[in-house]
Amino acid sequence: METKFIRVTYNNVHAKNAETEEHKAIIEEQSERGFKYVGYFPVKMGPSGKILVVDLIFQR
């Protein structure tokens, strides 16, 4: 089994939400390459606990 990690950084606006749309294109692209999205792992969080960076995890 092959595992792939792709890092996604959220667009962080202080005192507001951190948002991203990048994940949608990444998941579609990896699916076309034969990978299945299996989850994510937060790799960086702000002082308030807001997730700022995640690794998307794919396997095939």
PDB file of N, CA and C in Angstrom:
ATOM      1  N   MET A   1       0.840  -1.172   0.000  1.00  0.00           N
ATOM      2  CA  MET A   1       0.000   0.000   0.000  1.00  0.00           C
ATOM      3  C   MET A   1       0.891   1.243   0.000  1.00  0.00           C
ATOM      4  N   GLU A   2       0.554   2.212  -0.818  1.00  0.00           N
ATOM      5  CA  GLU A   2       1.292   3.469  -0.914  1.00  0.00           C
ATOM      6  C   GLU A   2       0.525   4.563  -0.185  1.00  0.00           C
ATOM      7  N   THR A   3       1.226   5.345   0.625  1.00  0.00           N
ATOM      8  CA  THR A   3       0.617   6.453   1.359  1.00  0.00           C
ATOM      9  C   THR A   3       1.268   7.750   0.926  1.00  0.00           C
ATOM     10  N   LYS A   4       0.435   8.792   0.742  1.00  0.00           N
ATOM     11  CA  LYS A   4       0.919  10.098   0.315  1.00  0.00           C
ATOM     12  C   LYS A   4       0.344  11.159   1.244  1.00  0.00           C
ATOM     13  N   PHE A   5       1.181  12.139   1.615  1.00  0.00           N
ATOM     14  CA  PHE A   5       0.764  13.254   2.455  1.00  0.00           C
ATOM     15  C   PHE A   5       0.911  14.546   1.650  1.00  0.00           C
ATOM     16  N   ILE A   6      -0.144  15.360   1.638  1.00  0.00           N
ATOM     17  CA  ILE A   6      -0.091  16.649   0.948  1.00  0.00           C
ATOM     18  C   ILE A   6      -0.480  17.736   1.946  1.00  0.00           C
ATOM     19  N   ARG A   7       0.419  18.707   2.111  1.00  0.00           N
ATOM     20  CA  ARG A   7       0.226  19.759   3.104  1.00  0.00           C
ATOM     21  C   ARG A   7      -0.662  20.875   2.549  1.00  0.00           C
ATOM     22  N   VAL A   8      -1.628  21.305   3.362  1.00  0.00           N
ATOM     23  CA  VAL A   8      -2.529  22.398   3.020  1.00  0.00           C
ATOM     24  C   VAL A   8      -2.453  23.435   4.133  1.00  0.00           C
ATOM     25  N   THR A   9      -2.221  24.687   3.736  1.00  0.00           N
ATOM     26  CA  THR A   9      -2.173  25.796   4.687  1.00  0.00           C
ATOM     27  C   THR A   9      -3.449  26.609   4.555  1.00  0.00           C
ATOM     28  N   TYR A  10      -4.104  26.845   5.660  1.00  0.00           N
ATOM     29  CA  TYR A  10      -5.322  27.640   5.661  1.00  0.00           C
ATOM     30  C   TYR A  10      -4.995  29.121   5.539  1.00  0.00           C
ATOM     31  N   ASN A  11      -5.865  29.871   4.876  1.00  0.00           N
ATOM     32  CA  ASN A  11      -5.749  31.323   4.819  1.00  0.00           C
ATOM     33  C   ASN A  11      -6.255  31.855   6.146  1.00  0.00           C
ATOM     34  N   ASN A  12      -5.341  32.224   7.013  1.00  0.00           N
ATOM     35  CA  ASN A  12      -5.693  32.620   8.376  1.00  0.00           C
ATOM     36  C   ASN A  12      -5.909  34.122   8.462  1.00  0.00           C
ATOM     37  N   VAL A  13      -7.092  34.512   8.928  1.00  0.00           N
ATOM     38  CA  VAL A  13      -7.403  35.907   9.190  1.00  0.00           C
ATOM     39  C   VAL A  13      -7.552  36.035  10.699  1.00  0.00           C
ATOM     40  N   HIS A  14      -6.692  36.855  11.308  1.00  0.00           N
ATOM     41  CA  HIS A  14      -6.731  37.009  12.769  1.00  0.00           C
ATOM     42  C   HIS A  14      -8.115  37.490  13.208  1.00  0.00           C
ATOM     43  N   ALA A  15      -8.597  36.943  14.304  1.00  0.00           N
ATOM     44  CA  ALA A  15      -9.906  37.257  14.889  1.00  0.00           C
ATOM     45  C   ALA A  15     -11.061  36.796  14.005  1.00  0.00           C
ATOM     46  N   LYS A  16     -10.777  35.960  13.026  1.00  0.00           N
ATOM     47  CA  LYS A  16     -11.818  35.383  12.170  1.00  0.00           C
ATOM     48  C   LYS A  16     -11.480  33.913  11.952  1.00  0.00           C
ATOM     49  N   ASN A  17     -12.187  33.310  11.027  1.00  0.00           N
ATOM     50  CA  ASN A  17     -11.947  31.903  10.699  1.00  0.00           C
ATOM     51  C   ASN A  17     -10.740  31.737   9.783  1.00  0.00           C
ATOM     52  N   ALA A  18     -10.143  30.566   9.839  1.00  0.00           N
ATOM     53  CA  ALA A  18      -9.127  30.169   8.866  1.00  0.00           C
ATOM     54  C   ALA A  18      -9.856  29.322   7.824  1.00  0.00           C
ATOM     55  N   GLU A  19      -9.676  29.662   6.535  1.00  0.00           N
ATOM     56  CA  GLU A  19     -10.431  28.995   5.475  1.00  0.00           C
ATOM     57  C   GLU A  19      -9.526  28.543   4.350  1.00  0.00           C
ATOM     58  N   THR A  20     -10.003  27.543   3.612  1.00  0.00           N
ATOM     59  CA  THR A  20      -9.322  27.095   2.400  1.00  0.00           C
ATOM     60  C   THR A  20     -10.325  26.403   1.481  1.00  0.00           C
ATOM     61  N   GLU A  21     -10.069  26.490   0.207  1.00  0.00           N
ATOM     62  CA  GLU A  21     -10.822  25.736  -0.801  1.00  0.00           C
ATOM     63  C   GLU A  21      -9.875  24.799  -1.547  1.00  0.00           C
ATOM     64  N   GLU A  22      -8.592  24.908  -1.239  1.00  0.00           N
ATOM     65  CA  GLU A  22      -7.543  24.157  -1.924  1.00  0.00           C
ATOM     66  C   GLU A  22      -7.749  22.649  -1.846  1.00  0.00           C
ATOM     67  N   HIS A  23      -8.314  22.169  -0.748  1.00  0.00           N
ATOM     68  CA  HIS A  23      -8.457  20.730  -0.522  1.00  0.00           C
ATOM     69  C   HIS A  23      -9.316  20.045  -1.586  1.00  0.00           C
ATOM     70  N   LYS A  24     -10.308  20.752  -2.107  1.00  0.00           N
ATOM     71  CA  LYS A  24     -11.215  20.141  -3.081  1.00  0.00           C
ATOM     72  C   LYS A  24     -10.472  19.717  -4.337  1.00  0.00           C
ATOM     73  N   ALA A  25      -9.662  20.615  -4.884  1.00  0.00           N
ATOM     74  CA  ALA A  25      -8.910  20.298  -6.103  1.00  0.00           C
ATOM     75  C   ALA A  25      -7.882  19.200  -5.839  1.00  0.00           C
ATOM     76  N   ILE A  26      -7.262  19.237  -4.669  1.00  0.00           N
ATOM     77  CA  ILE A  26      -6.258  18.212  -4.329  1.00  0.00           C
ATOM     78  C   ILE A  26      -6.913  16.837  -4.249  1.00  0.00           C
ATOM     79  N   ILE A  27      -8.055  16.741  -3.586  1.00  0.00           N
ATOM     80  CA  ILE A  27      -8.740  15.447  -3.443  1.00  0.00           C
ATOM     81  C   ILE A  27      -9.184  14.925  -4.803  1.00  0.00           C
ATOM     82  N   GLU A  28      -9.733  15.795  -5.654  1.00  0.00           N
ATOM     83  CA  GLU A  28     -10.148  15.367  -6.992  1.00  0.00           C
ATOM     84  C   GLU A  28      -8.953  14.884  -7.814  1.00  0.00           C
ATOM     85  N   GLU A  29      -7.842  15.632  -7.774  1.00  0.00           N
ATOM     86  CA  GLU A  29      -6.655  15.264  -8.537  1.00  0.00           C
ATOM     87  C   GLU A  29      -6.079  13.931  -8.074  1.00  0.00           C
ATOM     88  N   GLN A  30      -5.994  13.730  -6.773  1.00  0.00           N
ATOM     89  CA  GLN A  30      -5.441  12.478  -6.250  1.00  0.00           C
ATOM     90  C   GLN A  30      -6.364  11.300  -6.556  1.00  0.00           C
ATOM     91  N   SER A  31      -7.669  11.535  -6.544  1.00  0.00           N
ATOM     92  CA  SER A  31      -8.629  10.486  -6.896  1.00  0.00           C
ATOM     93  C   SER A  31      -8.418  10.035  -8.343  1.00  0.00           C
ATOM     94  N   GLU A  32      -8.189  10.999  -9.229  1.00  0.00           N
ATOM     95  CA  GLU A  32      -7.935  10.668 -10.637  1.00  0.00           C
ATOM     96  C   GLU A  32      -6.649   9.870 -10.794  1.00  0.00           C
ATOM     97  N   ARG A  33      -5.717  10.022  -9.885  1.00  0.00           N
ATOM     98  CA  ARG A  33      -4.451   9.290  -9.912  1.00  0.00           C
ATOM     99  C   ARG A  33      -4.532   7.945  -9.183  1.00  0.00           C
ATOM    100  N   GLY A  34      -5.725   7.594  -8.719  1.00  0.00           N
ATOM    101  CA  GLY A  34      -5.924   6.295  -8.094  1.00  0.00           C
ATOM    102  C   GLY A  34      -5.779   6.279  -6.585  1.00  0.00           C
ATOM    103  N   PHE A  35      -5.623   7.450  -5.963  1.00  0.00           N
ATOM    104  CA  PHE A  35      -5.506   7.528  -4.514  1.00  0.00           C
ATOM    105  C   PHE A  35      -6.867   7.772  -3.883  1.00  0.00           C
ATOM    106  N   LYS A  36      -7.042   7.254  -2.685  1.00  0.00           N
ATOM    107  CA  LYS A  36      -8.267   7.450  -1.917  1.00  0.00           C
ATOM    108  C   LYS A  36      -7.946   8.339  -0.718  1.00  0.00           C
ATOM    109  N   TYR A  37      -8.766   9.358  -0.496  1.00  0.00           N
ATOM    110  CA  TYR A  37      -8.593  10.224   0.670  1.00  0.00           C
ATOM    111  C   TYR A  37      -8.963   9.419   1.915  1.00  0.00           C
ATOM    112  N   VAL A  38      -8.057   9.389   2.903  1.00  0.00           N
ATOM    113  CA  VAL A  38      -8.322   8.593   4.108  1.00  0.00           C
ATOM    114  C   VAL A  38      -8.367   9.431   5.382  1.00  0.00           C
ATOM    115  N   GLY A  39      -7.995  10.714   5.307  1.00  0.00           N
ATOM    116  CA  GLY A  39      -8.083  11.549   6.498  1.00  0.00           C
ATOM    117  C   GLY A  39      -7.093  12.687   6.471  1.00  0.00           C
ATOM    118  N   TYR A  40      -6.977  13.363   7.606  1.00  0.00           N
ATOM    119  CA  TYR A  40      -6.038  14.473   7.710  1.00  0.00           C
ATOM    120  C   TYR A  40      -5.401  14.466   9.089  1.00  0.00           C
ATOM    121  N   PHE A  41      -4.272  15.164   9.184  1.00  0.00           N
ATOM    122  CA  PHE A  41      -3.587  15.295  10.462  1.00  0.00           C
ATOM    123  C   PHE A  41      -3.184  16.752  10.629  1.00  0.00           C
ATOM    124  N   PRO A  42      -3.636  17.413  11.706  1.00  0.00           N
ATOM    125  CA  PRO A  42      -3.236  18.811  11.909  1.00  0.00           C
ATOM    126  C   PRO A  42      -1.754  18.884  12.289  1.00  0.00           C
ATOM    127  N   VAL A  43      -1.000  19.751  11.606  1.00  0.00           N
ATOM    128  CA  VAL A  43       0.429  19.860  11.874  1.00  0.00           C
ATOM    129  C   VAL A  43       0.825  21.208  12.468  1.00  0.00           C
ATOM    130  N   LYS A  44      -0.086  22.193  12.402  1.00  0.00           N
ATOM    131  CA  LYS A  44       0.196  23.487  13.031  1.00  0.00           C
ATOM    132  C   LYS A  44      -1.113  24.090  13.509  1.00  0.00           C
ATOM    133  N   MET A  45      -1.088  24.523  14.762  1.00  0.00           N
ATOM    134  CA  MET A  45      -2.270  25.157  15.357  1.00  0.00           C
ATOM    135  C   MET A  45      -1.855  26.497  15.949  1.00  0.00           C
ATOM    136  N   GLY A  46      -2.789  27.454  15.928  1.00  0.00           N
ATOM    137  CA  GLY A  46      -2.530  28.755  16.527  1.00  0.00           C
ATOM    138  C   GLY A  46      -2.672  28.688  18.038  1.00  0.00           C
ATOM    139  N   PRO A  47      -2.356  29.775  18.737  1.00  0.00           N
ATOM    140  CA  PRO A  47      -2.423  29.791  20.197  1.00  0.00           C
ATOM    141  C   PRO A  47      -3.828  29.593  20.749  1.00  0.00           C
ATOM    142  N   SER A  48      -4.843  29.882  19.940  1.00  0.00           N
ATOM    143  CA  SER A  48      -6.223  29.692  20.397  1.00  0.00           C
ATOM    144  C   SER A  48      -6.743  28.294  20.085  1.00  0.00           C
ATOM    145  N   GLY A  49      -5.920  27.484  19.415  1.00  0.00           N
ATOM    146  CA  GLY A  49      -6.328  26.131  19.046  1.00  0.00           C
ATOM    147  C   GLY A  49      -6.843  26.014  17.623  1.00  0.00           C
ATOM    148  N   LYS A  50      -6.880  27.120  16.893  1.00  0.00           N
ATOM    149  CA  LYS A  50      -7.343  27.116  15.506  1.00  0.00           C
ATOM    150  C   LYS A  50      -6.337  26.349  14.643  1.00  0.00           C
ATOM    151  N   ILE A  51      -6.829  25.414  13.832  1.00  0.00           N
ATOM    152  CA  ILE A  51      -5.963  24.651  12.932  1.00  0.00           C
ATOM    153  C   ILE A  51      -5.544  25.555  11.783  1.00  0.00           C
ATOM    154  N   LEU A  52      -4.221  25.621  11.533  1.00  0.00           N
ATOM    155  CA  LEU A  52      -3.674  26.484  10.487  1.00  0.00           C
ATOM    156  C   LEU A  52      -3.090  25.692   9.313  1.00  0.00           C
ATOM    157  N   VAL A  53      -2.564  24.506   9.594  1.00  0.00           N
ATOM    158  CA  VAL A  53      -1.944  23.677   8.552  1.00  0.00           C
ATOM    159  C   VAL A  53      -2.304  22.216   8.811  1.00  0.00           C
ATOM    160  N   VAL A  54      -2.671  21.499   7.751  1.00  0.00           N
ATOM    161  CA  VAL A  54      -2.970  20.066   7.868  1.00  0.00           C
ATOM    162  C   VAL A  54      -2.232  19.307   6.775  1.00  0.00           C
ATOM    163  N   ASP A  55      -2.007  18.034   7.013  1.00  0.00           N
ATOM    164  CA  ASP A  55      -1.569  17.105   5.975  1.00  0.00           C
ATOM    165  C   ASP A  55      -2.775  16.259   5.593  1.00  0.00           C
ATOM    166  N   LEU A  56      -3.149  16.301   4.298  1.00  0.00           N
ATOM    167  CA  LEU A  56      -4.177  15.404   3.785  1.00  0.00           C
ATOM    168  C   LEU A  56      -3.506  14.076   3.513  1.00  0.00           C
ATOM    169  N   ILE A  57      -4.173  12.976   3.853  1.00  0.00           N
ATOM    170  CA  ILE A  57      -3.579  11.651   3.725  1.00  0.00           C
ATOM    171  C   ILE A  57      -4.337  10.855   2.670  1.00  0.00           C
ATOM    172  N   PHE A  58      -3.576  10.270   1.751  1.00  0.00           N
ATOM    173  CA  PHE A  58      -4.125   9.480   0.650  1.00  0.00           C
ATOM    174  C   PHE A  58      -3.432   8.133   0.602  1.00  0.00           C
ATOM    175  N   GLN A  59      -4.177   7.114   0.142  1.00  0.00           N
ATOM    176  CA  GLN A  59      -3.586   5.776  -0.017  1.00  0.00           C
ATOM    177  C   GLN A  59      -4.105   5.141  -1.310  1.00  0.00           C
ATOM    178  N   ARG A  60      -3.269   4.246  -1.835  1.00  0.00           N
ATOM    179  CA  ARG A  60      -3.695   3.385  -2.958  1.00  0.00           C
ATOM    180  C   ARG A  60      -2.958   2.077  -2.861  1.00  0.00           C
TER     181      ARG A  60
END
